[in-house]
Amino acid sequence: MILLIIVNVRHNGDATAGTVIEALGDPVRRQVVRLLSGGPRRAGEIAAEIGMSAPAISRHLRVLLEALVIEDQRLETDARARVFRLRPQSITAARAWLDEILAGPGGLADPR
């Protein structure tokens, strides 16, 4: 049994492109996001699939939570267990910013 302790994160619900992109700068966190794109998972499942210790994956999950890339929910059947899922709106915020860069003057989408 893997026990993870993650600090509860409070926020106003808005993800900024900068915080999302910064959080995704780490390859382990990008791997976590890829896993969660397939559906919600418990922290222990994420740690096992990535092959990291519980404390190490806990730190990465905390960064993703603080950046609002993911969210968590406690299970009714076990208050200690948490399920993590992707917050698509945060990925959308980062993508919108990147689209602005691509579409702007001199951007990659500019035919000049």
C-alpha atoms as a PDB file:
ATOM      1  CA  MET A   1       0.000   0.000   0.000  1.00  0.00           C
ATOM      2  CA  ILE A   2       1.311   3.434  -0.945  1.00  0.00           C
ATOM      3  CA  LEU A   3       0.335   6.325   1.299  1.00  0.00           C
ATOM      4  CA  LEU A   4       0.628   9.808  -0.120  1.00  0.00           C
ATOM      5  CA  ILE A   5       0.203  13.004   1.833  1.00  0.00           C
ATOM      6  CA  ILE A   6      -0.570  16.043  -0.290  1.00  0.00           C
ATOM      7  CA  VAL A   7      -1.141  19.513   1.063  1.00  0.00           C
ATOM      8  CA  ASN A   8      -4.604  20.878   0.338  1.00  0.00           C
ATOM      9  CA  VAL A   9      -4.309  23.666  -2.244  1.00  0.00           C
ATOM     10  CA  ARG A  10      -6.615  26.682  -2.308  1.00  0.00           C
ATOM     11  CA  HIS A  11      -7.001  28.889  -5.366  1.00  0.00           C
ATOM     12  CA  ASN A  12      -9.447  31.179  -7.106  1.00  0.00           C
ATOM     13  CA  GLY A  13     -10.146  28.726  -9.943  1.00  0.00           C
ATOM     14  CA  ASP A  14      -8.308  30.560 -12.712  1.00  0.00           C
ATOM     15  CA  ALA A  15      -5.352  29.013 -14.491  1.00  0.00           C
ATOM     16  CA  THR A  16      -2.965  31.295 -16.297  1.00  0.00           C
ATOM     17  CA  ALA A  17      -1.013  30.194 -19.340  1.00  0.00           C
ATOM     18  CA  GLY A  18       2.254  31.025 -17.588  1.00  0.00           C
ATOM     19  CA  THR A  19       1.644  28.866 -14.544  1.00  0.00           C
ATOM     20  CA  VAL A  20       0.417  25.972 -16.698  1.00  0.00           C
ATOM     21  CA  ILE A  21       3.400  26.151 -19.042  1.00  0.00           C
ATOM     22  CA  GLU A  22       5.805  26.455 -16.122  1.00  0.00           C
ATOM     23  CA  ALA A  23       4.275  23.418 -14.401  1.00  0.00           C
ATOM     24  CA  LEU A  24       4.534  21.417 -17.620  1.00  0.00           C
ATOM     25  CA  GLY A  25       8.219  22.279 -17.954  1.00  0.00           C
ATOM     26  CA  ASP A  26       9.149  19.129 -16.062  1.00  0.00           C
ATOM     27  CA  PRO A  27       9.105  15.840 -18.026  1.00  0.00           C
ATOM     28  CA  VAL A  28       7.657  13.884 -15.083  1.00  0.00           C
ATOM     29  CA  ARG A  29       4.732  16.289 -14.808  1.00  0.00           C
ATOM     30  CA  ARG A  30       4.121  16.033 -18.556  1.00  0.00           C
ATOM     31  CA  GLN A  31       4.052  12.258 -18.112  1.00  0.00           C
ATOM     32  CA  VAL A  32       1.489  12.628 -15.300  1.00  0.00           C
ATOM     33  CA  VAL A  33      -0.672  14.801 -17.583  1.00  0.00           C
ATOM     34  CA  ARG A  34      -0.432  12.198 -20.361  1.00  0.00           C
ATOM     35  CA  LEU A  35      -1.568   9.502 -17.930  1.00  0.00           C
ATOM     36  CA  LEU A  36      -4.462  11.611 -16.681  1.00  0.00           C
ATOM     37  CA  SER A  37      -5.549  12.389 -20.247  1.00  0.00           C
ATOM     38  CA  GLY A  38      -6.687   8.757 -20.285  1.00  0.00           C
ATOM     39  CA  GLY A  39      -8.920   9.327 -17.264  1.00  0.00           C
ATOM     40  CA  PRO A  40      -8.790   9.880 -13.502  1.00  0.00           C
ATOM     41  CA  ARG A  41      -6.283   7.928 -11.404  1.00  0.00           C
ATOM     42  CA  ARG A  42      -5.323   7.550  -7.780  1.00  0.00           C
ATOM     43  CA  ALA A  43      -1.953   8.892  -6.713  1.00  0.00           C
ATOM     44  CA  GLY A  44      -0.628   5.393  -6.029  1.00  0.00           C
ATOM     45  CA  GLU A  45      -1.550   4.299  -9.551  1.00  0.00           C
ATOM     46  CA  ILE A  46       0.260   7.309 -11.014  1.00  0.00           C
ATOM     47  CA  ALA A  47       3.369   6.598  -8.921  1.00  0.00           C
ATOM     48  CA  ALA A  48       3.382   2.939  -9.947  1.00  0.00           C
ATOM     49  CA  GLU A  49       2.879   3.646 -13.654  1.00  0.00           C
ATOM     50  CA  ILE A  50       5.643   6.243 -13.732  1.00  0.00           C
ATOM     51  CA  GLY A  51       7.927   4.177 -11.505  1.00  0.00           C
ATOM     52  CA  MET A  52       8.526   6.814  -8.831  1.00  0.00           C
ATOM     53  CA  SER A  53       8.282   6.788  -5.074  1.00  0.00           C
ATOM     54  CA  ALA A  54       5.164   8.119  -3.391  1.00  0.00           C
ATOM     55  CA  PRO A  55       6.925  11.183  -1.908  1.00  0.00           C
ATOM     56  CA  ALA A  56       8.462  12.095  -5.287  1.00  0.00           C
ATOM     57  CA  ILE A  57       5.186  11.851  -7.203  1.00  0.00           C
ATOM     58  CA  SER A  58       3.424  13.716  -4.386  1.00  0.00           C
ATOM     59  CA  ARG A  59       5.643  16.751  -4.995  1.00  0.00           C
ATOM     60  CA  HIS A  60       4.840  16.699  -8.723  1.00  0.00           C
ATOM     61  CA  LEU A  61       1.116  16.372  -8.061  1.00  0.00           C
ATOM     62  CA  ARG A  62       1.277  19.329  -5.682  1.00  0.00           C
ATOM     63  CA  VAL A  63       2.882  21.518  -8.382  1.00  0.00           C
ATOM     64  CA  LEU A  64       0.219  20.477 -10.901  1.00  0.00           C
ATOM     65  CA  LEU A  65      -2.534  21.177  -8.348  1.00  0.00           C
ATOM     66  CA  GLU A  66      -1.136  24.624  -7.541  1.00  0.00           C
ATOM     67  CA  ALA A  67      -0.911  25.456 -11.258  1.00  0.00           C
ATOM     68  CA  LEU A  68      -4.525  24.259 -11.674  1.00  0.00           C
ATOM     69  CA  VAL A  69      -3.492  21.727 -14.308  1.00  0.00           C
ATOM     70  CA  ILE A  70      -5.156  18.940 -12.316  1.00  0.00           C
ATOM     71  CA  GLU A  71      -7.760  18.676  -9.584  1.00  0.00           C
ATOM     72  CA  ASP A  72      -8.397  16.082  -6.938  1.00  0.00           C
ATOM     73  CA  GLN A  73     -11.401  14.585  -5.266  1.00  0.00           C
ATOM     74  CA  ARG A  74     -11.705  12.494  -2.137  1.00  0.00           C
ATOM     75  CA  LEU A  75     -13.535   9.214  -2.497  1.00  0.00           C
ATOM     76  CA  GLU A  76     -16.712   8.730  -0.489  1.00  0.00           C
ATOM     77  CA  THR A  77     -15.711   5.154   0.277  1.00  0.00           C
ATOM     78  CA  ASP A  78     -12.264   6.097   1.651  1.00  0.00           C
ATOM     79  CA  ALA A  79     -11.644   9.652   2.843  1.00  0.00           C
ATOM     80  CA  ARG A  80      -7.874   9.063   2.714  1.00  0.00           C
ATOM     81  CA  ALA A  81      -7.900   8.197  -0.986  1.00  0.00           C
ATOM     82  CA  ARG A  82      -7.814  10.901  -3.622  1.00  0.00           C
ATOM     83  CA  VAL A  83      -8.454  10.668  -7.324  1.00  0.00           C
ATOM     84  CA  PHE A  84      -6.691  13.095  -9.648  1.00  0.00           C
ATOM     85  CA  ARG A  85      -8.028  14.287 -12.971  1.00  0.00           C
ATOM     86  CA  LEU A  86      -7.012  16.758 -15.639  1.00  0.00           C
ATOM     87  CA  ARG A  87      -8.564  20.238 -15.732  1.00  0.00           C
ATOM     88  CA  PRO A  88      -9.065  20.748 -19.483  1.00  0.00           C
ATOM     89  CA  GLN A  89      -9.664  24.487 -19.013  1.00  0.00           C
ATOM     90  CA  SER A  90      -6.054  24.958 -17.885  1.00  0.00           C
ATOM     91  CA  ILE A  91      -4.717  23.250 -20.996  1.00  0.00           C
ATOM     92  CA  THR A  92      -7.091  25.411 -23.043  1.00  0.00           C
ATOM     93  CA  ALA A  93      -5.691  28.578 -21.414  1.00  0.00           C
ATOM     94  CA  ALA A  94      -2.128  27.612 -22.349  1.00  0.00           C
ATOM     95  CA  ARG A  95      -3.165  26.613 -25.849  1.00  0.00           C
ATOM     96  CA  ALA A  96      -5.002  29.923 -26.397  1.00  0.00           C
ATOM     97  CA  TRP A  97      -1.868  31.844 -25.448  1.00  0.00           C
ATOM     98  CA  LEU A  98       0.279  29.717 -27.768  1.00  0.00           C
ATOM     99  CA  ASP A  99      -2.259  30.201 -30.582  1.00  0.00           C
ATOM    100  CA  GLU A 100      -1.966  33.986 -30.083  1.00  0.00           C
ATOM    101  CA  ILE A 101       1.799  33.735 -30.465  1.00  0.00           C
ATOM    102  CA  LEU A 102       1.487  31.622 -33.607  1.00  0.00           C
ATOM    103  CA  ALA A 103      -1.106  33.917 -35.178  1.00  0.00           C
ATOM    104  CA  GLY A 104       0.621  37.203 -34.307  1.00  0.00           C
ATOM    105  CA  PRO A 105       2.810  39.244 -36.644  1.00  0.00           C
ATOM    106  CA  GLY A 106       5.943  37.271 -37.371  1.00  0.00           C
ATOM    107  CA  GLY A 107       4.446  34.180 -35.746  1.00  0.00           C
ATOM    108  CA  LEU A 108       4.707  30.766 -37.329  1.00  0.00           C
ATOM    109  CA  ALA A 109       1.273  31.150 -38.907  1.00  0.00           C
ATOM    110  CA  ASP A 110       2.305  34.468 -40.542  1.00  0.00           C
ATOM    111  CA  PRO A 111       2.921  33.776 -44.273  1.00  0.00           C
ATOM    112  CA  ARG A 112       5.611  36.502 -44.588  1.00  0.00           C
END
